């Protein structure tokens, strides 16, 4: 177990280096509105496709080989990507080296880890347990100390002007809320398909493909076309509401619900809606920063995504478990009652996920006030 834990930690650490770097390269390379819209649409569609295709490939490997192959398969992909990046990506000159903000790293990492751990433990221990309360208190103290540190140090890990900008701050919050709600769809749809409908891992992976196609349609057919023409919140806020409607569709799931009648329409709405939030958010979250700070802005987008996903999974899982337990108290322990209890928990959690996505729409409408992109002649 310790080997697996260490390996996954290393995967996360190096992924945290890779993703912001790619996003920062796009931010400083593509500056014209139309080019920028296309570049971030490509980035968003690849990210969305990777998540869904990962579910499909994971289903194939799990069903026909074993779960270890879900880890092995990453090695050749990483080798090809490393060779391609080394040969294709040009090096860029760097400014004078700044001191690395080690205290900032410790405070930010510790605060976020404590926050996620506290929310995760609430699933089993309850929100009133000393472990959860202590973890959340430690998180609050460390994150406050981090903000104070960043405001005073001459070489901050996260220059506060990046997140205090109204539009960028709104984009980071929108990403966090959107991913928190979206993870509810992946989590509970996977449970529903495999536990309730008895889909095989491969069938469950295939069941997510329409969401991938809808995400592509949202990225290319809507977001990339509208971004050069309209203000970003005119795309993002409706997108968040469309995704919220998709979640509300999932609240109607029953033990005997069909895939075509409920799951498929919900996936299409979620795919289109989330892509219309994420693609403009990638652009806004890295817009208007000094090129030397593009990596920091991109890393903040990635951090918002990771924190939103972790907290969303923990909170929604807690809600689902509590709702299922409450349902089973008043019903028998039969298999059919357990199935109904599970679906009741999933439906309750997806209702909360819809609320999170609606909150994302409110945040977008209130905070993001950037106008239509203006083309600069070269």
Protein backbone atom coordinates (compact mmCIF):
# COMPACT_ATOMS: atom_id res chain seq x y z
CA UNK A 1 0.00 0.00 0.00
CA UNK A 2 2.81 2.43 0.85
CA UNK A 3 4.42 1.84 -2.55
CA UNK A 4 1.11 2.56 -4.30
CA UNK A 5 0.59 5.66 -2.16
CA UNK A 6 4.09 6.98 -2.92
CA UNK A 7 3.73 6.26 -6.64
CA UNK A 8 0.39 8.04 -6.85
CA UNK A 9 1.86 10.99 -4.94
CA UNK A 10 4.66 11.21 -7.49
CA UNK A 11 2.14 11.01 -10.34
CA UNK A 12 0.23 13.90 -8.84
CA UNK A 13 3.35 15.97 -8.22
CA UNK A 14 4.64 15.66 -11.77
CA UNK A 15 1.18 16.13 -13.27
CA UNK A 16 1.01 19.36 -11.26
CA UNK A 17 4.19 20.45 -13.06
CA UNK A 18 3.01 19.40 -16.51
CA UNK A 19 -0.52 20.80 -16.69
CA UNK A 20 0.19 24.43 -15.71
CA UNK A 21 3.23 24.49 -18.00
CA UNK A 22 1.11 23.49 -21.00
CA UNK A 23 -1.55 26.04 -20.11
CA UNK A 24 1.06 28.77 -19.61
CA UNK A 25 2.59 28.03 -23.02
CA UNK A 26 -0.80 28.52 -24.65
CA UNK A 27 -1.40 31.73 -22.71
CA UNK A 28 1.84 33.42 -23.82
CA UNK A 29 1.91 31.97 -27.35
CA UNK A 30 -1.63 32.80 -28.48
CA UNK A 31 -2.64 36.40 -27.77
CA UNK A 32 -5.15 37.26 -30.50
CA UNK A 33 -8.79 36.54 -29.53
CA UNK A 34 -9.52 34.14 -32.39
CA UNK A 35 -6.26 32.23 -32.00
CA UNK A 36 -6.70 32.16 -28.25
CA UNK A 37 -10.23 30.79 -28.55
CA UNK A 38 -9.07 28.01 -30.86
CA UNK A 39 -6.06 27.14 -28.71
CA UNK A 40 -8.05 26.87 -25.50
CA UNK A 41 -10.82 24.95 -27.27
CA UNK A 42 -8.21 22.39 -28.33
CA UNK A 43 -6.84 22.27 -24.79
CA UNK A 44 -10.29 21.91 -23.25
CA UNK A 45 -11.44 19.26 -25.71
CA UNK A 46 -8.28 17.21 -25.15
CA UNK A 47 -8.66 17.48 -21.38
CA UNK A 48 -12.32 16.45 -21.54
CA UNK A 49 -11.64 13.63 -23.97
CA UNK A 50 -8.77 12.36 -21.86
CA UNK A 51 -10.97 12.07 -18.80
CA UNK A 52 -13.73 10.18 -20.61
CA UNK A 53 -11.39 8.01 -22.68
CA UNK A 54 -9.54 7.19 -19.49
CA UNK A 55 -12.76 5.75 -18.12
CA UNK A 56 -13.21 3.68 -21.28
CA UNK A 57 -9.63 2.44 -21.38
CA UNK A 58 -9.73 1.77 -17.65
CA UNK A 59 -12.84 -0.33 -18.17
CA UNK A 60 -11.18 -2.38 -20.91
CA UNK A 61 -8.00 -2.95 -18.90
CA UNK A 62 -9.85 -3.77 -15.69
CA UNK A 63 -12.25 -6.19 -17.37
CA UNK A 64 -9.78 -8.05 -19.57
CA UNK A 65 -6.49 -7.70 -17.65
CA UNK A 66 -6.39 -6.22 -14.13
CA UNK A 67 -6.33 -2.86 -12.38
CA UNK A 68 -2.52 -2.69 -12.40
CA UNK A 69 -2.61 -2.14 -16.15
CA UNK A 70 -4.42 1.15 -15.52
CA UNK A 71 -1.08 2.28 -14.07
CA UNK A 72 1.23 0.49 -16.52
CA UNK A 73 -0.44 2.06 -19.55
CA UNK A 74 0.68 5.54 -18.49
CA UNK A 75 4.38 4.71 -18.88
CA UNK A 76 4.59 4.51 -22.71
CA UNK A 77 2.30 7.54 -23.03
CA UNK A 78 4.62 9.53 -20.77
CA UNK A 79 7.70 8.45 -22.74
CA UNK A 80 6.18 9.50 -26.06
CA UNK A 81 5.03 12.83 -24.60
CA UNK A 82 8.46 13.50 -23.08
CA UNK A 83 10.28 12.81 -26.35
CA UNK A 84 7.81 14.91 -28.31
CA UNK A 85 8.03 17.80 -25.88
CA UNK A 86 11.83 17.72 -25.88
CA UNK A 87 12.02 17.80 -29.68
CA UNK A 88 9.15 20.18 -30.48
CA UNK A 89 8.93 22.73 -27.68
CA UNK A 90 11.48 25.51 -27.90
CA UNK A 91 13.28 26.77 -24.85
CA UNK A 92 12.66 30.32 -23.65
CA UNK A 93 15.08 32.62 -21.83
CA UNK A 94 14.33 33.12 -18.16
CA UNK A 95 14.65 36.21 -16.05
CA UNK A 96 16.93 36.43 -13.07
CA UNK A 97 16.21 33.68 -10.59
CA UNK A 98 14.05 34.58 -7.62
CA UNK A 99 14.15 33.03 -4.21
CA UNK A 100 11.85 30.04 -3.92
CA UNK A 101 9.11 30.66 -1.37
CA UNK A 102 9.51 27.47 0.66
CA UNK A 103 7.37 28.67 3.61
CA UNK A 104 4.62 29.54 1.12
CA UNK A 105 4.80 26.06 -0.40
CA UNK A 106 4.57 24.44 3.04
CA UNK A 107 1.64 26.60 4.16
CA UNK A 108 -0.34 26.25 0.92
CA UNK A 109 0.24 22.52 0.58
CA UNK A 110 -0.44 21.83 4.24
CA UNK A 111 -3.59 23.95 4.25
CA UNK A 112 -5.04 22.31 1.15
CA UNK A 113 -4.13 18.79 2.31
CA UNK A 114 -5.76 19.42 5.69
CA UNK A 115 -8.86 20.83 3.98
CA UNK A 116 -9.27 17.86 1.65
CA UNK A 117 -8.48 15.36 4.42
CA UNK A 118 -11.03 16.89 6.76
CA UNK A 119 -13.77 16.81 4.14
CA UNK A 120 -12.86 13.26 3.15
CA UNK A 121 -12.91 11.99 6.74
CA UNK A 122 -16.36 13.47 7.21
CA UNK A 123 -17.68 10.61 5.05
CA UNK A 124 -16.86 8.07 7.79
CA UNK A 125 -16.41 10.13 10.96
CA UNK A 126 -19.11 12.78 10.54
CA UNK A 127 -18.71 16.55 10.47
CA UNK A 128 -18.76 16.82 14.25
CA UNK A 129 -15.82 14.50 14.87
CA UNK A 130 -12.66 15.89 16.44
CA UNK A 131 -10.61 14.69 13.46
CA UNK A 132 -12.69 16.62 10.96
CA UNK A 133 -12.97 19.77 13.07
CA UNK A 134 -9.26 19.69 13.86
CA UNK A 135 -8.30 19.22 10.21
CA UNK A 136 -10.52 22.06 9.04
CA UNK A 137 -9.21 24.34 11.80
CA UNK A 138 -5.60 23.57 10.86
CA UNK A 139 -6.47 24.20 7.22
CA UNK A 140 -7.98 27.60 8.01
CA UNK A 141 -4.97 28.66 10.08
CA UNK A 142 -2.44 27.56 7.48
CA UNK A 143 -4.28 29.16 4.56
CA UNK A 144 -4.67 32.46 6.44
CA UNK A 145 -0.97 32.33 7.29
CA UNK A 146 -0.26 31.66 3.61
CA UNK A 147 -2.16 34.78 2.53
CA UNK A 148 -0.33 36.89 5.12
CA UNK A 149 2.99 35.43 4.00
CA UNK A 150 2.31 36.12 0.32
CA UNK A 151 1.31 39.71 1.04
CA UNK A 152 4.60 40.42 2.83
CA UNK A 153 7.30 38.43 1.07
CA UNK A 154 9.18 40.05 -1.85
CA UNK A 155 9.19 36.75 -3.78
CA UNK A 156 5.74 35.22 -3.26
CA UNK A 157 4.75 31.78 -4.46
CA UNK A 158 1.40 33.27 -5.53
CA UNK A 159 1.40 37.04 -6.13
CA UNK A 160 -1.92 38.13 -4.70
CA UNK A 161 -2.68 40.50 -7.57
CA UNK A 162 -3.19 37.43 -9.75
CA UNK A 163 -6.12 36.10 -7.72
CA UNK A 164 -7.45 39.49 -6.59
CA UNK A 165 -8.15 40.53 -10.15
CA UNK A 166 -11.91 40.36 -10.49
CA UNK A 167 -12.01 38.40 -13.72
CA UNK A 168 -9.23 35.97 -12.95
CA UNK A 169 -10.56 35.37 -9.44
CA UNK A 170 -14.00 34.72 -10.86
CA UNK A 171 -12.54 32.28 -13.39
CA UNK A 172 -10.71 30.35 -10.65
CA UNK A 173 -13.88 30.09 -8.55
CA UNK A 174 -15.89 29.06 -11.60
CA UNK A 175 -13.41 26.28 -12.36
CA UNK A 176 -13.49 25.05 -8.76
CA UNK A 177 -17.29 24.98 -8.59
CA UNK A 178 -17.71 23.50 -12.07
CA UNK A 179 -15.26 20.67 -11.42
CA UNK A 180 -16.77 20.03 -7.98
CA UNK A 181 -20.17 19.56 -9.56
CA UNK A 182 -18.83 17.63 -12.54
CA UNK A 183 -17.06 15.09 -10.37
CA UNK A 184 -20.47 14.32 -8.92
CA UNK A 185 -21.57 13.19 -12.37
CA UNK A 186 -18.54 10.97 -12.93
CA UNK A 187 -18.66 9.51 -9.43
CA UNK A 188 -22.34 8.75 -9.06
CA UNK A 189 -22.98 7.81 -12.67
CA UNK A 190 -20.18 5.26 -12.40
CA UNK A 191 -21.73 3.87 -9.21
CA UNK A 192 -25.19 3.85 -10.75
CA UNK A 193 -24.15 2.13 -13.97
CA UNK A 194 -22.02 -0.56 -12.36
CA UNK A 195 -23.70 -1.14 -8.99
CA UNK A 196 -27.38 -0.61 -9.84
CA UNK A 197 -27.62 -1.33 -13.57
CA UNK A 198 -24.88 -4.01 -13.37
CA UNK A 199 -22.86 -2.66 -16.29
CA UNK A 200 -19.44 -4.19 -16.80
CA UNK A 201 -16.42 -1.84 -16.54
CA UNK A 202 -16.22 -1.74 -20.34
CA UNK A 203 -19.93 -0.99 -20.72
CA UNK A 204 -19.68 1.77 -18.12
CA UNK A 205 -16.75 3.30 -19.98
CA UNK A 206 -18.65 3.20 -23.27
CA UNK A 207 -21.65 4.80 -21.56
CA UNK A 208 -19.59 7.95 -20.96
CA UNK A 209 -18.65 8.44 -24.62
CA UNK A 210 -21.68 10.66 -25.42
CA UNK A 211 -20.48 13.07 -22.74
CA UNK A 212 -17.13 13.24 -24.52
CA UNK A 213 -18.78 13.97 -27.86
CA UNK A 214 -20.99 16.62 -26.26
CA UNK A 215 -17.91 18.18 -24.69
CA UNK A 216 -16.25 18.35 -28.10
CA UNK A 217 -19.36 20.00 -29.52
CA UNK A 218 -19.40 22.53 -26.71
CA UNK A 219 -15.69 23.32 -27.04
CA UNK A 220 -15.54 23.58 -30.84
CA UNK A 221 -19.09 24.35 -31.89
CA UNK A 222 -19.98 26.89 -29.19
CA UNK A 223 -17.13 28.16 -27.02
CA UNK A 224 -14.43 28.61 -29.67
CA UNK A 225 -16.87 30.31 -32.06
CA UNK A 226 -18.38 32.68 -29.49
CA UNK A 227 -15.28 33.63 -27.48
CA UNK A 228 -13.98 36.17 -30.05
CA UNK A 229 -17.45 37.70 -30.41
CA UNK A 230 -19.10 37.98 -26.98
CA UNK A 231 -18.06 38.65 -23.36
CA UNK A 232 -16.91 35.46 -21.59
CA UNK A 233 -19.69 35.43 -19.01
CA UNK A 234 -22.24 35.31 -21.85
CA UNK A 235 -20.84 31.84 -22.59
CA UNK A 236 -19.87 30.67 -19.12
CA UNK A 237 -22.99 31.51 -17.10
CA UNK A 238 -25.44 29.80 -19.50
CA UNK A 239 -23.02 26.87 -19.72
CA UNK A 240 -23.05 26.43 -15.95
CA UNK A 241 -26.86 26.57 -15.94
CA UNK A 242 -27.09 23.99 -18.74
CA UNK A 243 -24.82 21.69 -16.73
CA UNK A 244 -26.98 22.29 -13.65
CA UNK A 245 -30.05 21.21 -15.64
CA UNK A 246 -28.16 18.06 -16.63
CA UNK A 247 -27.56 17.33 -12.96
CA UNK A 248 -31.22 17.91 -12.19
CA UNK A 249 -32.08 15.30 -14.81
CA UNK A 250 -29.94 12.82 -12.87
CA UNK A 251 -31.95 13.48 -9.71
CA UNK A 252 -34.81 11.62 -11.41
CA UNK A 253 -32.90 8.33 -11.60
CA UNK A 254 -34.68 5.25 -10.30
CA UNK A 255 -33.59 1.66 -9.88
CA UNK A 256 -35.23 0.72 -13.17
CA UNK A 257 -34.42 3.89 -15.14
CA UNK A 258 -33.17 3.43 -18.67
CA UNK A 259 -29.89 4.75 -20.06
CA UNK A 260 -31.50 6.38 -23.09
CA UNK A 261 -34.27 8.15 -21.21
CA UNK A 262 -32.29 9.84 -18.41
CA UNK A 263 -28.55 9.16 -18.41
CA UNK A 264 -27.91 10.03 -22.07
CA UNK A 265 -29.74 13.40 -22.03
CA UNK A 266 -28.00 14.32 -18.78
CA UNK A 267 -24.59 13.47 -20.23
CA UNK A 268 -25.21 15.62 -23.30
CA UNK A 269 -26.25 18.61 -21.20
CA UNK A 270 -23.31 18.17 -18.84
CA UNK A 271 -20.77 17.81 -21.64
CA UNK A 272 -21.94 20.92 -23.47
CA UNK A 273 -22.42 22.98 -20.32
CA UNK A 274 -19.10 22.22 -18.63
CA UNK A 275 -17.08 22.79 -21.81
CA UNK A 276 -18.71 26.21 -22.19
CA UNK A 277 -17.53 27.06 -18.68
CA UNK A 278 -14.04 25.59 -18.80
CA UNK A 279 -12.77 26.79 -22.19
CA UNK A 280 -13.37 30.52 -21.51
CA UNK A 281 -12.19 30.05 -17.91
CA UNK A 282 -8.83 28.73 -19.12
CA UNK A 283 -8.44 31.89 -21.19
CA UNK A 284 -9.66 34.39 -18.58
CA UNK A 285 -7.65 32.74 -15.81
CA UNK A 286 -4.39 33.40 -17.66
CA UNK A 287 -5.30 36.69 -19.35
CA UNK A 288 -3.59 39.97 -18.59
CA UNK A 289 -0.70 38.64 -16.51
CA UNK A 290 2.97 39.34 -17.04
CA UNK A 291 4.44 36.57 -19.23
CA UNK A 292 6.83 35.77 -16.37
CA UNK A 293 3.80 35.05 -14.17
CA UNK A 294 1.85 33.05 -16.75
CA UNK A 295 2.98 29.83 -15.11
CA UNK A 296 1.67 30.99 -11.74
CA UNK A 297 -1.71 31.93 -13.24
CA UNK A 298 -1.92 28.60 -15.05
CA UNK A 299 -0.96 26.75 -11.88
CA UNK A 300 -3.75 28.57 -10.04
CA UNK A 301 -6.26 27.35 -12.63
CA UNK A 302 -4.98 23.81 -12.12
CA UNK A 303 -5.07 24.17 -8.32
CA UNK A 304 -8.66 25.42 -8.46
CA UNK A 305 -9.56 22.38 -10.56
CA UNK A 306 -7.84 19.90 -8.24
CA UNK A 307 -9.22 21.43 -5.04
CA UNK A 308 -12.70 21.66 -6.52
CA UNK A 309 -12.58 18.03 -7.61
CA UNK A 310 -11.28 16.79 -4.25
CA UNK A 311 -13.71 18.81 -2.15
CA UNK A 312 -16.62 18.08 -4.47
CA UNK A 313 -15.98 14.35 -4.31
CA UNK A 314 -15.67 14.40 -0.52
CA UNK A 315 -18.71 16.58 0.11
CA UNK A 316 -21.01 14.87 -2.38
CA UNK A 317 -19.93 11.43 -1.21
CA UNK A 318 -20.75 12.44 2.36
CA UNK A 319 -24.17 13.67 1.29
CA UNK A 320 -24.89 10.49 -0.68
CA UNK A 321 -23.80 8.22 2.17
CA UNK A 322 -25.91 10.12 4.70
CA UNK A 323 -28.97 10.08 2.45
CA UNK A 324 -28.59 6.35 1.80
CA UNK A 325 -28.19 5.60 5.51
CA UNK A 326 -31.26 7.68 6.36
CA UNK A 327 -33.30 5.88 3.71
CA UNK A 328 -32.32 2.43 4.95
CA UNK A 329 -33.29 3.27 8.53
CA UNK A 330 -36.94 3.27 7.53
CA UNK A 331 -36.76 0.33 5.13
CA UNK A 332 -35.78 -3.30 5.24
CA UNK A 333 -32.32 -4.74 4.58
CA UNK A 334 -33.41 -6.54 1.40
CA UNK A 335 -31.39 -6.23 -1.79
CA UNK A 336 -34.08 -4.15 -3.49
CA UNK A 337 -34.26 -1.76 -0.54
CA UNK A 338 -30.49 -1.37 -0.59
CA UNK A 339 -30.61 -0.61 -4.32
CA UNK A 340 -33.34 1.99 -3.76
CA UNK A 341 -31.31 3.45 -0.90
CA UNK A 342 -28.23 3.78 -3.08
CA UNK A 343 -30.16 5.48 -5.86
CA UNK A 344 -31.78 7.80 -3.31
CA UNK A 345 -28.30 8.77 -2.11
CA UNK A 346 -27.06 9.35 -5.66
CA UNK A 347 -30.11 11.47 -6.51
CA UNK A 348 -29.72 13.57 -3.38
CA UNK A 349 -26.04 14.19 -4.07
CA UNK A 350 -26.63 15.12 -7.71
CA UNK A 351 -29.25 17.61 -6.55
CA UNK A 352 -26.57 19.27 -4.43
CA UNK A 353 -24.20 19.10 -7.41
CA UNK A 354 -26.80 20.97 -9.46
CA UNK A 355 -26.83 23.62 -6.75
CA UNK A 356 -23.03 23.92 -6.91
CA UNK A 357 -23.20 24.43 -10.67
CA UNK A 358 -25.95 27.03 -10.25
CA UNK A 359 -23.70 28.78 -7.73
CA UNK A 360 -20.95 28.75 -10.35
CA UNK A 361 -23.32 30.56 -12.71
CA UNK A 362 -23.99 33.22 -10.06
CA UNK A 363 -20.27 33.69 -9.39
CA UNK A 364 -19.62 34.07 -13.11
CA UNK A 365 -22.43 36.59 -13.59
CA UNK A 366 -21.36 38.69 -10.59
CA UNK A 367 -17.56 38.58 -10.79
CA UNK A 368 -16.57 38.24 -14.44
CA UNK A 369 -17.18 41.54 -16.22
CA UNK A 370 -14.60 41.38 -19.01
CA UNK A 371 -15.92 42.69 -22.28
CA UNK A 372 -15.76 41.21 -25.75
CA UNK A 373 -12.14 40.48 -26.72
CA UNK A 374 -10.50 43.22 -28.77
CA UNK A 375 -8.26 42.21 -31.65
CA UNK A 376 -4.86 43.90 -31.66
CA UNK A 377 -3.25 44.46 -35.04
CA UNK A 378 0.21 43.05 -35.37
